Amino acid sequence: MFKPDGDPVIYTTMMDIYRGDHYNEFVIDWTGKTEGQMVVQVEGDLLRRSRDYMGPGAHDSVIQMLDADTMVTSTTYDGVTFREEIRLISQDTYTLRQTFGTKADGSFALAGQYLEFRLP
């Protein structure tokens, strides 16, 4: 991850993802630089999050499917708009995520690239 006011940072985060109480609901527990639990629900072209990774604020992301393996989300909170591309690779064994954030004035806020893989 890279922010304009610092050096690149490498994080390792462990996530457990499981089904929630409703058919369109998932729960994500994570530990790493931060830790917490987030409930996400998919409703049409919206991804509703009970919170974000850095704070308690709930927000929605607009989802766009580019192809069968690639999803793009757009989210705005705390004055920053995030565009995130999520690509499933090798029969969903790996996920490549790329995030780019811009402030309301168009200036750079954050860039991140993440490799996620399933643990047995």
PDB file of N, CA and C in Angstrom:
ATOM      1  N   MET A   1       0.848  -1.165   0.000  1.00  0.00           N
ATOM      2  CA  MET A   1       0.000   0.000   0.000  1.00  0.00           C
ATOM      3  C   MET A   1       0.893   1.227   0.000  1.00  0.00           C
ATOM      4  N   PHE A   2       0.464   2.274  -0.672  1.00  0.00           N
ATOM      5  CA  PHE A   2       1.262   3.493  -0.754  1.00  0.00           C
ATOM      6  C   PHE A   2       0.362   4.700  -0.536  1.00  0.00           C
ATOM      7  N   LYS A   3       0.770   5.589   0.360  1.00  0.00           N
ATOM      8  CA  LYS A   3       0.083   6.857   0.581  1.00  0.00           C
ATOM      9  C   LYS A   3       1.092   7.963   0.290  1.00  0.00           C
ATOM     10  N   PRO A   4       0.641   9.126  -0.167  1.00  0.00           N
ATOM     11  CA  PRO A   4       1.585  10.168  -0.583  1.00  0.00           C
ATOM     12  C   PRO A   4       2.461  10.708   0.537  1.00  0.00           C
ATOM     13  N   ASP A   5       2.079  10.515   1.781  1.00  0.00           N
ATOM     14  CA  ASP A   5       2.853  11.063   2.889  1.00  0.00           C
ATOM     15  C   ASP A   5       3.785  10.048   3.546  1.00  0.00           C
ATOM     16  N   GLY A   6       4.052   8.925   2.890  1.00  0.00           N
ATOM     17  CA  GLY A   6       4.886   7.908   3.517  1.00  0.00           C
ATOM     18  C   GLY A   6       5.472   6.935   2.526  1.00  0.00           C
ATOM     19  N   ASP A   7       6.248   6.022   3.051  1.00  0.00           N
ATOM     20  CA  ASP A   7       6.854   4.976   2.242  1.00  0.00           C
ATOM     21  C   ASP A   7       5.844   3.863   1.990  1.00  0.00           C
ATOM     22  N   PRO A   8       6.084   3.035   0.979  1.00  0.00           N
ATOM     23  CA  PRO A   8       5.224   1.875   0.764  1.00  0.00           C
ATOM     24  C   PRO A   8       5.191   0.997   2.017  1.00  0.00           C
ATOM     25  N   VAL A   9       4.047   0.365   2.230  1.00  0.00           N
ATOM     26  CA  VAL A   9       3.832  -0.456   3.417  1.00  0.00           C
ATOM     27  C   VAL A   9       3.360  -1.831   2.963  1.00  0.00           C
ATOM     28  N   ILE A  10       3.842  -2.870   3.618  1.00  0.00           N
ATOM     29  CA  ILE A  10       3.381  -4.234   3.349  1.00  0.00           C
ATOM     30  C   ILE A  10       2.652  -4.735   4.588  1.00  0.00           C
ATOM     31  N   TYR A  11       1.426  -5.201   4.403  1.00  0.00           N
ATOM     32  CA  TYR A  11       0.615  -5.732   5.491  1.00  0.00           C
ATOM     33  C   TYR A  11       0.280  -7.186   5.213  1.00  0.00           C
ATOM     34  N   THR A  12       0.163  -7.957   6.255  1.00  0.00           N
ATOM     35  CA  THR A  12      -0.391  -9.296   6.165  1.00  0.00           C
ATOM     36  C   THR A  12      -1.644  -9.310   7.029  1.00  0.00           C
ATOM     37  N   THR A  13      -2.748  -9.733   6.447  1.00  0.00           N
ATOM     38  CA  THR A  13      -4.020  -9.782   7.161  1.00  0.00           C
ATOM     39  C   THR A  13      -4.607 -11.171   6.989  1.00  0.00           C
ATOM     40  N   MET A  14      -5.055 -11.748   8.078  1.00  0.00           N
ATOM     41  CA  MET A  14      -5.740 -13.040   8.038  1.00  0.00           C
ATOM     42  C   MET A  14      -7.239 -12.778   8.099  1.00  0.00           C
ATOM     43  N   MET A  15      -7.990 -13.419   7.179  1.00  0.00           N
ATOM     44  CA  MET A  15      -9.440 -13.232   7.114  1.00  0.00           C
ATOM     45  C   MET A  15     -10.146 -14.576   7.167  1.00  0.00           C
ATOM     46  N   ASP A  16     -11.231 -14.594   7.902  1.00  0.00           N
ATOM     47  CA  ASP A  16     -12.171 -15.713   7.872  1.00  0.00           C
ATOM     48  C   ASP A  16     -13.467 -15.162   7.307  1.00  0.00           C
ATOM     49  N   ILE A  17     -13.972 -15.809   6.260  1.00  0.00           N
ATOM     50  CA  ILE A  17     -15.193 -15.359   5.612  1.00  0.00           C
ATOM     51  C   ILE A  17     -16.191 -16.502   5.663  1.00  0.00           C
ATOM     52  N   TYR A  18     -17.394 -16.206   6.145  1.00  0.00           N
ATOM     53  CA  TYR A  18     -18.411 -17.249   6.229  1.00  0.00           C
ATOM     54  C   TYR A  18     -19.788 -16.640   5.981  1.00  0.00           C
ATOM     55  N   ARG A  19     -20.752 -17.510   5.703  1.00  0.00           N
ATOM     56  CA  ARG A  19     -22.119 -17.061   5.422  1.00  0.00           C
ATOM     57  C   ARG A  19     -22.745 -16.485   6.682  1.00  0.00           C
ATOM     58  N   GLY A  20     -23.559 -15.450   6.475  1.00  0.00           N
ATOM     59  CA  GLY A  20     -24.285 -14.841   7.573  1.00  0.00           C
ATOM     60  C   GLY A  20     -25.647 -15.477   7.738  1.00  0.00           C
ATOM     61  N   ASP A  21     -26.555 -14.747   8.363  1.00  0.00           N
ATOM     62  CA  ASP A  21     -27.890 -15.264   8.663  1.00  0.00           C
ATOM     63  C   ASP A  21     -28.838 -15.224   7.473  1.00  0.00           C
ATOM     64  N   HIS A  22     -28.498 -14.441   6.441  1.00  0.00           N
ATOM     65  CA  HIS A  22     -29.363 -14.299   5.271  1.00  0.00           C
ATOM     66  C   HIS A  22     -28.642 -14.811   4.030  1.00  0.00           C
ATOM     67  N   TYR A  23     -29.406 -15.166   2.999  1.00  0.00           N
ATOM     68  CA  TYR A  23     -28.821 -15.773   1.792  1.00  0.00           C
ATOM     69  C   TYR A  23     -27.811 -14.862   1.102  1.00  0.00           C
ATOM     70  N   ASN A  24     -27.954 -13.550   1.231  1.00  0.00           N
ATOM     71  CA  ASN A  24     -27.081 -12.605   0.537  1.00  0.00           C
ATOM     72  C   ASN A  24     -26.084 -11.936   1.492  1.00  0.00           C
ATOM     73  N   GLU A  25     -25.829 -12.570   2.633  1.00  0.00           N
ATOM     74  CA  GLU A  25     -25.009 -11.957   3.677  1.00  0.00           C
ATOM     75  C   GLU A  25     -23.773 -12.804   3.970  1.00  0.00           C
ATOM     76  N   PHE A  26     -22.654 -12.106   4.151  1.00  0.00           N
ATOM     77  CA  PHE A  26     -21.403 -12.755   4.523  1.00  0.00           C
ATOM     78  C   PHE A  26     -20.785 -11.991   5.675  1.00  0.00           C
ATOM     79  N   VAL A  27     -20.027 -12.699   6.499  1.00  0.00           N
ATOM     80  CA  VAL A  27     -19.349 -12.098   7.643  1.00  0.00           C
ATOM     81  C   VAL A  27     -17.852 -12.267   7.431  1.00  0.00           C
ATOM     82  N   ILE A  28     -17.110 -11.188   7.643  1.00  0.00           N
ATOM     83  CA  ILE A  28     -15.655 -11.205   7.499  1.00  0.00           C
ATOM     84  C   ILE A  28     -15.048 -10.846   8.845  1.00  0.00           C
ATOM     85  N   ASP A  29     -14.270 -11.758   9.407  1.00  0.00           N
ATOM     86  CA  ASP A  29     -13.464 -11.494  10.600  1.00  0.00           C
ATOM     87  C   ASP A  29     -12.033 -11.353  10.134  1.00  0.00           C
ATOM     88  N   TRP A  30     -11.306 -10.344  10.630  1.00  0.00           N
ATOM     89  CA  TRP A  30      -9.922 -10.182  10.206  1.00  0.00           C
ATOM     90  C   TRP A  30      -9.040  -9.727  11.356  1.00  0.00           C
ATOM     91  N   THR A  31      -7.756 -10.083  11.224  1.00  0.00           N
ATOM     92  CA  THR A  31      -6.720  -9.609  12.141  1.00  0.00           C
ATOM     93  C   THR A  31      -5.515  -9.237  11.296  1.00  0.00           C
ATOM     94  N   GLY A  32      -4.822  -8.214  11.701  1.00  0.00           N
ATOM     95  CA  GLY A  32      -3.647  -7.720  10.990  1.00  0.00           C
ATOM     96  C   GLY A  32      -3.287  -6.363  11.548  1.00  0.00           C
ATOM     97  N   LYS A  33      -3.042  -5.389  10.681  1.00  0.00           N
ATOM     98  CA  LYS A  33      -2.774  -4.014  11.115  1.00  0.00           C
ATOM     99  C   LYS A  33      -3.947  -3.487  11.943  1.00  0.00           C
ATOM    100  N   THR A  34      -5.159  -3.828  11.512  1.00  0.00           N
ATOM    101  CA  THR A  34      -6.376  -3.578  12.287  1.00  0.00           C
ATOM    102  C   THR A  34      -7.060  -4.927  12.465  1.00  0.00           C
ATOM    103  N   GLU A  35      -8.096  -4.949  13.256  1.00  0.00           N
ATOM    104  CA  GLU A  35      -8.873  -6.181  13.394  1.00  0.00           C
ATOM    105  C   GLU A  35     -10.325  -5.810  13.599  1.00  0.00           C
ATOM    106  N   GLY A  36     -11.183  -6.746  13.284  1.00  0.00           N
ATOM    107  CA  GLY A  36     -12.601  -6.473  13.463  1.00  0.00           C
ATOM    108  C   GLY A  36     -13.470  -7.475  12.743  1.00  0.00           C
ATOM    109  N   GLN A  37     -14.735  -7.122  12.664  1.00  0.00           N
ATOM    110  CA  GLN A  37     -15.725  -7.937  11.972  1.00  0.00           C
ATOM    111  C   GLN A  37     -16.602  -7.014  11.131  1.00  0.00           C
ATOM    112  N   MET A  38     -16.859  -7.448   9.923  1.00  0.00           N
ATOM    113  CA  MET A  38     -17.683  -6.688   8.989  1.00  0.00           C
ATOM    114  C   MET A  38     -18.740  -7.631   8.429  1.00  0.00           C
ATOM    115  N   VAL A  39     -19.970  -7.155   8.367  1.00  0.00           N
ATOM    116  CA  VAL A  39     -21.046  -7.893   7.712  1.00  0.00           C
ATOM    117  C   VAL A  39     -21.281  -7.220   6.365  1.00  0.00           C
ATOM    118  N   VAL A  40     -21.276  -8.007   5.295  1.00  0.00           N
ATOM    119  CA  VAL A  40     -21.526  -7.475   3.960  1.00  0.00           C
ATOM    120  C   VAL A  40     -22.756  -8.152   3.375  1.00  0.00           C
ATOM    121  N   GLN A  41     -23.543  -7.362   2.655  1.00  0.00           N
ATOM    122  CA  GLN A  41     -24.716  -7.880   1.966  1.00  0.00           C
ATOM    123  C   GLN A  41     -24.679  -7.395   0.528  1.00  0.00           C
ATOM    124  N   VAL A  42     -25.010  -8.295  -0.391  1.00  0.00           N
ATOM    125  CA  VAL A  42     -25.097  -7.939  -1.801  1.00  0.00           C
ATOM    126  C   VAL A  42     -26.572  -7.758  -2.127  1.00  0.00           C
ATOM    127  N   GLU A  43     -26.905  -6.555  -2.615  1.00  0.00           N
ATOM    128  CA  GLU A  43     -28.281  -6.239  -3.001  1.00  0.00           C
ATOM    129  C   GLU A  43     -28.247  -5.603  -4.383  1.00  0.00           C
ATOM    130  N   GLY A  44     -28.489  -6.409  -5.417  1.00  0.00           N
ATOM    131  CA  GLY A  44     -28.422  -5.909  -6.787  1.00  0.00           C
ATOM    132  C   GLY A  44     -27.007  -5.473  -7.116  1.00  0.00           C
ATOM    133  N   ASP A  45     -26.834  -4.193  -7.483  1.00  0.00           N
ATOM    134  CA  ASP A  45     -25.493  -3.703  -7.813  1.00  0.00           C
ATOM    135  C   ASP A  45     -24.849  -2.951  -6.641  1.00  0.00           C
ATOM    136  N   LEU A  46     -25.340  -3.214  -5.415  1.00  0.00           N
ATOM    137  CA  LEU A  46     -24.757  -2.604  -4.224  1.00  0.00           C
ATOM    138  C   LEU A  46     -24.141  -3.652  -3.309  1.00  0.00           C
ATOM    139  N   LEU A  47     -22.995  -3.310  -2.751  1.00  0.00           N
ATOM    140  CA  LEU A  47     -22.364  -4.099  -1.694  1.00  0.00           C
ATOM    141  C   LEU A  47     -22.465  -3.245  -0.439  1.00  0.00           C
ATOM    142  N   ARG A  48     -23.259  -3.678   0.515  1.00  0.00           N
ATOM    143  CA  ARG A  48     -23.466  -2.926   1.752  1.00  0.00           C
ATOM    144  C   ARG A  48     -22.524  -3.469   2.824  1.00  0.00           C
ATOM    145  N   ARG A  49     -21.707  -2.582   3.399  1.00  0.00           N
ATOM    146  CA  ARG A  49     -20.750  -2.976   4.436  1.00  0.00           C
ATOM    147  C   ARG A  49     -21.167  -2.366   5.764  1.00  0.00           C
ATOM    148  N   SER A  50     -21.118  -3.158   6.825  1.00  0.00           N
ATOM    149  CA  SER A  50     -21.491  -2.664   8.151  1.00  0.00           C
ATOM    150  C   SER A  50     -20.438  -1.716   8.708  1.00  0.00           C
ATOM    151  N   ARG A  51     -19.227  -1.763   8.157  1.00  0.00           N
ATOM    152  CA  ARG A  51     -18.121  -0.897   8.584  1.00  0.00           C
ATOM    153  C   ARG A  51     -17.013  -1.005   7.559  1.00  0.00           C
ATOM    154  N   ASP A  52     -15.950  -0.229   7.728  1.00  0.00           N
ATOM    155  CA  ASP A  52     -14.794  -0.389   6.849  1.00  0.00           C
ATOM    156  C   ASP A  52     -13.629  -0.941   7.670  1.00  0.00           C
ATOM    157  N   TYR A  53     -12.500  -1.176   7.009  1.00  0.00           N
ATOM    158  CA  TYR A  53     -11.362  -1.799   7.679  1.00  0.00           C
ATOM    159  C   TYR A  53     -10.655  -0.872   8.661  1.00  0.00           C
ATOM    160  N   MET A  54     -10.801   0.436   8.481  1.00  0.00           N
ATOM    161  CA  MET A  54     -10.088   1.384   9.331  1.00  0.00           C
ATOM    162  C   MET A  54     -10.984   2.081  10.353  1.00  0.00           C
ATOM    163  N   GLY A  55     -12.288   1.843  10.300  1.00  0.00           N
ATOM    164  CA  GLY A  55     -13.171   2.520  11.232  1.00  0.00           C
ATOM    165  C   GLY A  55     -14.568   1.939  11.223  1.00  0.00           C
ATOM    166  N   PRO A  56     -15.437   2.484  12.069  1.00  0.00           N
ATOM    167  CA  PRO A  56     -16.767   1.900  12.259  1.00  0.00           C
ATOM    168  C   PRO A  56     -17.824   2.345  11.258  1.00  0.00           C
ATOM    169  N   GLY A  57     -17.499   3.237  10.330  1.00  0.00           N
ATOM    170  CA  GLY A  57     -18.501   3.794   9.433  1.00  0.00           C
ATOM    171  C   GLY A  57     -19.045   2.800   8.425  1.00  0.00           C
ATOM    172  N   ALA A  58     -20.377   2.647   8.381  1.00  0.00           N
ATOM    173  CA  ALA A  58     -21.026   1.795   7.388  1.00  0.00           C
ATOM    174  C   ALA A  58     -21.096   2.545   6.057  1.00  0.00           C
ATOM    175  N   HIS A  59     -21.023   1.818   4.959  1.00  0.00           N
ATOM    176  CA  HIS A  59     -21.140   2.453   3.653  1.00  0.00           C
ATOM    177  C   HIS A  59     -21.475   1.418   2.580  1.00  0.00           C
ATOM    178  N   ASP A  60     -21.878   1.929   1.435  1.00  0.00           N
ATOM    179  CA  ASP A  60     -22.231   1.082   0.295  1.00  0.00           C
ATOM    180  C   ASP A  60     -21.219   1.272  -0.821  1.00  0.00           C
ATOM    181  N   SER A  61     -21.007   0.215  -1.588  1.00  0.00           N
ATOM    182  CA  SER A  61     -20.172   0.263  -2.781  1.00  0.00           C
ATOM    183  C   SER A  61     -21.023  -0.124  -3.973  1.00  0.00           C
ATOM    184  N   VAL A  62     -20.846   0.579  -5.076  1.00  0.00           N
ATOM    185  CA  VAL A  62     -21.506   0.212  -6.328  1.00  0.00           C
ATOM    186  C   VAL A  62     -20.642  -0.849  -6.997  1.00  0.00           C
ATOM    187  N   ILE A  63     -21.275  -1.944  -7.433  1.00  0.00           N
ATOM    188  CA  ILE A  63     -20.571  -3.070  -8.045  1.00  0.00           C
ATOM    189  C   ILE A  63     -20.791  -3.050  -9.551  1.00  0.00           C
ATOM    190  N   GLN A  64     -19.719  -3.297 -10.297  1.00  0.00           N
ATOM    191  CA  GLN A  64     -19.808  -3.480 -11.748  1.00  0.00           C
ATOM    192  C   GLN A  64     -19.026  -4.740 -12.090  1.00  0.00           C
ATOM    193  N   MET A  65     -19.647  -5.685 -12.761  1.00  0.00           N
ATOM    194  CA  MET A  65     -18.964  -6.898 -13.209  1.00  0.00           C
ATOM    195  C   MET A  65     -18.386  -6.644 -14.597  1.00  0.00           C
ATOM    196  N   LEU A  66     -17.048  -6.769 -14.717  1.00  0.00           N
ATOM    197  CA  LEU A  66     -16.407  -6.580 -16.019  1.00  0.00           C
ATOM    198  C   LEU A  66     -16.452  -7.852 -16.848  1.00  0.00           C
ATOM    199  N   ASP A  67     -16.287  -8.997 -16.183  1.00  0.00           N
ATOM    200  CA  ASP A  67     -16.412 -10.304 -16.815  1.00  0.00           C
ATOM    201  C   ASP A  67     -16.681 -11.311 -15.698  1.00  0.00           C
ATOM    202  N   ALA A  68     -16.670 -12.593 -16.008  1.00  0.00           N
ATOM    203  CA  ALA A  68     -17.021 -13.611 -15.020  1.00  0.00           C
ATOM    204  C   ALA A  68     -16.054 -13.660 -13.832  1.00  0.00           C
ATOM    205  N   ASP A  69     -14.829 -13.148 -14.007  1.00  0.00           N
ATOM    206  CA  ASP A  69     -13.825 -13.216 -12.946  1.00  0.00           C
ATOM    207  C   ASP A  69     -13.423 -11.865 -12.372  1.00  0.00           C
ATOM    208  N   THR A  70     -14.019 -10.762 -12.848  1.00  0.00           N
ATOM    209  CA  THR A  70     -13.544  -9.444 -12.436  1.00  0.00           C
ATOM    210  C   THR A  70     -14.697  -8.530 -12.035  1.00  0.00           C
ATOM    211  N   MET A  71     -14.572  -7.971 -10.840  1.00  0.00           N
ATOM    212  CA  MET A  71     -15.560  -7.053 -10.301  1.00  0.00           C
ATOM    213  C   MET A  71     -14.872  -5.732  -9.955  1.00  0.00           C
ATOM    214  N   VAL A  72     -15.546  -4.620 -10.207  1.00  0.00           N
ATOM    215  CA  VAL A  72     -15.051  -3.299  -9.825  1.00  0.00           C
ATOM    216  C   VAL A  72     -16.047  -2.701  -8.841  1.00  0.00           C
ATOM    217  N   THR A  73     -15.538  -2.142  -7.742  1.00  0.00           N
ATOM    218  CA  THR A  73     -16.397  -1.439  -6.801  1.00  0.00           C
ATOM    219  C   THR A  73     -15.979   0.023  -6.742  1.00  0.00           C
ATOM    220  N   SER A  74     -16.951   0.872  -6.453  1.00  0.00           N
ATOM    221  CA  SER A  74     -16.699   2.294  -6.255  1.00  0.00           C
ATOM    222  C   SER A  74     -17.347   2.688  -4.937  1.00  0.00           C
ATOM    223  N   THR A  75     -16.554   3.295  -4.056  1.00  0.00           N
ATOM    224  CA  THR A  75     -16.998   3.637  -2.712  1.00  0.00           C
ATOM    225  C   THR A  75     -16.473   5.018  -2.349  1.00  0.00           C
ATOM    226  N   THR A  76     -17.287   5.818  -1.682  1.00  0.00           N
ATOM    227  CA  THR A  76     -16.837   7.120  -1.202  1.00  0.00           C
ATOM    228  C   THR A  76     -17.135   7.241   0.280  1.00  0.00           C
ATOM    229  N   TYR A  77     -16.113   7.564   1.059  1.00  0.00           N
ATOM    230  CA  TYR A  77     -16.297   7.895   2.469  1.00  0.00           C
ATOM    231  C   TYR A  77     -15.104   8.700   2.956  1.00  0.00           C
ATOM    232  N   ASP A  78     -15.324   9.476   3.992  1.00  0.00           N
ATOM    233  CA  ASP A  78     -14.294  10.346   4.566  1.00  0.00           C
ATOM    234  C   ASP A  78     -13.648  11.244   3.504  1.00  0.00           C
ATOM    235  N   GLY A  79     -14.432  11.670   2.506  1.00  0.00           N
ATOM    236  CA  GLY A  79     -13.924  12.583   1.496  1.00  0.00           C
ATOM    237  C   GLY A  79     -13.030  11.954   0.440  1.00  0.00           C
ATOM    238  N   VAL A  80     -12.956  10.624   0.420  1.00  0.00           N
ATOM    239  CA  VAL A  80     -12.115   9.923  -0.548  1.00  0.00           C
ATOM    240  C   VAL A  80     -12.977   8.937  -1.334  1.00  0.00           C
ATOM    241  N   THR A  81     -12.785   8.893  -2.654  1.00  0.00           N
ATOM    242  CA  THR A  81     -13.460   7.917  -3.507  1.00  0.00           C
ATOM    243  C   THR A  81     -12.463   6.821  -3.851  1.00  0.00           C
ATOM    244  N   PHE A  82     -12.867   5.588  -3.607  1.00  0.00           N
ATOM    245  CA  PHE A  82     -12.018   4.420  -3.857  1.00  0.00           C
ATOM    246  C   PHE A  82     -12.582   3.629  -5.025  1.00  0.00           C
ATOM    247  N   ARG A  83     -11.709   3.289  -5.969  1.00  0.00           N
ATOM    248  CA  ARG A  83     -12.054   2.372  -7.057  1.00  0.00           C
ATOM    249  C   ARG A  83     -11.236   1.119  -6.813  1.00  0.00           C
ATOM    250  N   GLU A  84     -11.913   0.001  -6.699  1.00  0.00           N
ATOM    251  CA  GLU A  84     -11.218  -1.248  -6.414  1.00  0.00           C
ATOM    252  C   GLU A  84     -11.585  -2.285  -7.466  1.00  0.00           C
ATOM    253  N   GLU A  85     -10.559  -2.909  -8.031  1.00  0.00           N
ATOM    254  CA  GLU A  85     -10.757  -3.985  -8.993  1.00  0.00           C
ATOM    255  C   GLU A  85     -10.367  -5.289  -8.314  1.00  0.00           C
ATOM    256  N   ILE A  86     -11.266  -6.263  -8.388  1.00  0.00           N
ATOM    257  CA  ILE A  86     -11.055  -7.564  -7.741  1.00  0.00           C
ATOM    258  C   ILE A  86     -11.137  -8.634  -8.817  1.00  0.00           C
ATOM    259  N   ARG A  87     -10.051  -9.366  -9.009  1.00  0.00           N
ATOM    260  CA  ARG A  87      -9.976 -10.383 -10.062  1.00  0.00           C
ATOM    261  C   ARG A  87      -9.702 -11.750  -9.427  1.00  0.00           C
ATOM    262  N   LEU A  88     -10.549 -12.725  -9.736  1.00  0.00           N
ATOM    263  CA  LEU A  88     -10.348 -14.106  -9.285  1.00  0.00           C
ATOM    264  C   LEU A  88      -9.453 -14.817 -10.286  1.00  0.00           C
ATOM    265  N   ILE A  89      -8.467 -15.554  -9.771  1.00  0.00           N
ATOM    266  CA  ILE A  89      -7.467 -16.197 -10.624  1.00  0.00           C
ATOM    267  C   ILE A  89      -7.339 -17.668 -10.248  1.00  0.00           C
ATOM    268  N   SER A  90      -7.041 -18.489 -11.228  1.00  0.00           N
ATOM    269  CA  SER A  90      -6.760 -19.911 -11.028  1.00  0.00           C
ATOM    270  C   SER A  90      -7.880 -20.604 -10.259  1.00  0.00           C
ATOM    271  N   GLN A  91      -9.065 -20.578 -10.859  1.00  0.00           N
ATOM    272  CA  GLN A  91     -10.251 -21.224 -10.297  1.00  0.00           C
ATOM    273  C   GLN A  91     -10.526 -20.749  -8.872  1.00  0.00           C
ATOM    274  N   ASP A  92     -10.422 -19.443  -8.658  1.00  0.00           N
ATOM    275  CA  ASP A  92     -10.717 -18.766  -7.387  1.00  0.00           C
ATOM    276  C   ASP A  92      -9.750 -19.120  -6.263  1.00  0.00           C
ATOM    277  N   THR A  93      -8.578 -19.657  -6.600  1.00  0.00           N
ATOM    278  CA  THR A  93      -7.557 -19.944  -5.587  1.00  0.00           C
ATOM    279  C   THR A  93      -6.893 -18.662  -5.112  1.00  0.00           C
ATOM    280  N   TYR A  94      -6.730 -17.695  -6.016  1.00  0.00           N
ATOM    281  CA  TYR A  94      -6.087 -16.419  -5.703  1.00  0.00           C
ATOM    282  C   TYR A  94      -7.030 -15.280  -6.062  1.00  0.00           C
ATOM    283  N   THR A  95      -6.851 -14.180  -5.375  1.00  0.00           N
ATOM    284  CA  THR A  95      -7.560 -12.950  -5.698  1.00  0.00           C
ATOM    285  C   THR A  95      -6.527 -11.843  -5.807  1.00  0.00           C
ATOM    286  N   LEU A  96      -6.592 -11.087  -6.876  1.00  0.00           N
ATOM    287  CA  LEU A  96      -5.752  -9.908  -7.035  1.00  0.00           C
ATOM    288  C   LEU A  96      -6.656  -8.695  -6.892  1.00  0.00           C
ATOM    289  N   ARG A  97      -6.352  -7.857  -5.903  1.00  0.00           N
ATOM    290  CA  ARG A  97      -7.137  -6.634  -5.677  1.00  0.00           C
ATOM    291  C   ARG A  97      -6.240  -5.430  -5.885  1.00  0.00           C
ATOM    292  N   GLN A  98      -6.778  -4.444  -6.558  1.00  0.00           N
ATOM    293  CA  GLN A  98      -6.068  -3.182  -6.749  1.00  0.00           C
ATOM    294  C   GLN A  98      -7.012  -2.061  -6.340  1.00  0.00           C
ATOM    295  N   THR A  99      -6.513  -1.150  -5.518  1.00  0.00           N
ATOM    296  CA  THR A  99      -7.324  -0.052  -5.009  1.00  0.00           C
ATOM    297  C   THR A  99      -6.636   1.264  -5.320  1.00  0.00           C
ATOM    298  N   PHE A 100      -7.429   2.236  -5.739  1.00  0.00           N
ATOM    299  CA  PHE A 100      -6.900   3.574  -5.962  1.00  0.00           C
ATOM    300  C   PHE A 100      -7.887   4.563  -5.367  1.00  0.00           C
ATOM    301  N   GLY A 101      -7.399   5.465  -4.515  1.00  0.00           N
ATOM    302  CA  GLY A 101      -8.255   6.445  -3.867  1.00  0.00           C
ATOM    303  C   GLY A 101      -7.875   7.858  -4.257  1.00  0.00           C
ATOM    304  N   THR A 102      -8.898   8.690  -4.519  1.00  0.00           N
ATOM    305  CA  THR A 102      -8.672  10.100  -4.821  1.00  0.00           C
ATOM    306  C   THR A 102      -9.543  10.957  -3.911  1.00  0.00           C
ATOM    307  N   LYS A 103      -9.006  12.107  -3.542  1.00  0.00           N
ATOM    308  CA  LYS A 103      -9.743  13.072  -2.732  1.00  0.00           C
ATOM    309  C   LYS A 103     -10.726  13.824  -3.615  1.00  0.00           C
ATOM    310  N   ALA A 104     -11.636  14.570  -2.996  1.00  0.00           N
ATOM    311  CA  ALA A 104     -12.667  15.297  -3.738  1.00  0.00           C
ATOM    312  C   ALA A 104     -12.078  16.272  -4.754  1.00  0.00           C
ATOM    313  N   ASP A 105     -10.886  16.812  -4.475  1.00  0.00           N
ATOM    314  CA  ASP A 105     -10.251  17.742  -5.416  1.00  0.00           C
ATOM    315  C   ASP A 105      -9.488  17.026  -6.531  1.00  0.00           C
ATOM    316  N   GLY A 106      -9.552  15.677  -6.551  1.00  0.00           N
ATOM    317  CA  GLY A 106      -8.884  14.888  -7.583  1.00  0.00           C
ATOM    318  C   GLY A 106      -7.472  14.469  -7.240  1.00  0.00           C
ATOM    319  N   SER A 107      -6.960  14.916  -6.087  1.00  0.00           N
ATOM    320  CA  SER A 107      -5.587  14.554  -5.721  1.00  0.00           C
ATOM    321  C   SER A 107      -5.520  13.117  -5.193  1.00  0.00           C
ATOM    322  N   PHE A 108      -4.347  12.547  -5.304  1.00  0.00           N
ATOM    323  CA  PHE A 108      -4.060  11.164  -4.916  1.00  0.00           C
ATOM    324  C   PHE A 108      -4.182  10.981  -3.407  1.00  0.00           C
ATOM    325  N   ALA A 109      -4.834   9.916  -2.970  1.00  0.00           N
ATOM    326  CA  ALA A 109      -4.981   9.613  -1.551  1.00  0.00           C
ATOM    327  C   ALA A 109      -4.318   8.290  -1.166  1.00  0.00           C
ATOM    328  N   LEU A 110      -4.458   7.263  -2.007  1.00  0.00           N
ATOM    329  CA  LEU A 110      -3.968   5.934  -1.638  1.00  0.00           C
ATOM    330  C   LEU A 110      -3.940   5.038  -2.867  1.00  0.00           C
ATOM    331  N   ALA A 111      -2.947   4.161  -2.928  1.00  0.00           N
ATOM    332  CA  ALA A 111      -2.909   3.107  -3.944  1.00  0.00           C
ATOM    333  C   ALA A 111      -2.499   1.821  -3.250  1.00  0.00           C
ATOM    334  N   GLY A 112      -3.138   0.740  -3.596  1.00  0.00           N
ATOM    335  CA  GLY A 112      -2.793  -0.535  -2.988  1.00  0.00           C
ATOM    336  C   GLY A 112      -2.981  -1.664  -3.970  1.00  0.00           C
ATOM    337  N   GLN A 113      -2.140  -2.660  -3.854  1.00  0.00           N
ATOM    338  CA  GLN A 113      -2.296  -3.879  -4.630  1.00  0.00           C
ATOM    339  C   GLN A 113      -2.148  -5.027  -3.655  1.00  0.00           C
ATOM    340  N   TYR A 114      -3.056  -5.986  -3.730  1.00  0.00           N
ATOM    341  CA  TYR A 114      -3.119  -7.044  -2.750  1.00  0.00           C
ATOM    342  C   TYR A 114      -3.227  -8.398  -3.437  1.00  0.00           C
ATOM    343  N   LEU A 115      -2.503  -9.361  -2.950  1.00  0.00           N
ATOM    344  CA  LEU A 115      -2.637 -10.744  -3.396  1.00  0.00           C
ATOM    345  C   LEU A 115      -3.240 -11.512  -2.239  1.00  0.00           C
ATOM    346  N   GLU A 116      -4.358 -12.127  -2.495  1.00  0.00           N
ATOM    347  CA  GLU A 116      -5.031 -12.919  -1.464  1.00  0.00           C
ATOM    348  C   GLU A 116      -5.043 -14.372  -1.925  1.00  0.00           C
ATOM    349  N   PHE A 117      -4.868 -15.287  -0.990  1.00  0.00           N
ATOM    350  CA  PHE A 117      -4.939 -16.690  -1.340  1.00  0.00           C
ATOM    351  C   PHE A 117      -5.609 -17.455  -0.220  1.00  0.00           C
ATOM    352  N   ARG A 118      -6.264 -18.540  -0.627  1.00  0.00           N
ATOM    353  CA  ARG A 118      -7.000 -19.366   0.333  1.00  0.00           C
ATOM    354  C   ARG A 118      -6.044 -20.298   1.058  1.00  0.00           C
ATOM    355  N   LEU A 119      -6.266 -20.421   2.356  1.00  0.00           N
ATOM    356  CA  LEU A 119      -5.504 -21.377   3.152  1.00  0.00           C
ATOM    357  C   LEU A 119      -6.362 -22.610   3.356  1.00  0.00           C
ATOM    358  N   PRO A 120      -5.744 -23.784   3.331  1.00  0.00           N
ATOM    359  CA  PRO A 120      -6.539 -25.015   3.510  1.00  0.00           C
ATOM    360  C   PRO A 120      -7.146 -25.102   4.912  1.00  0.00           C
TER     361      PRO A 120
END
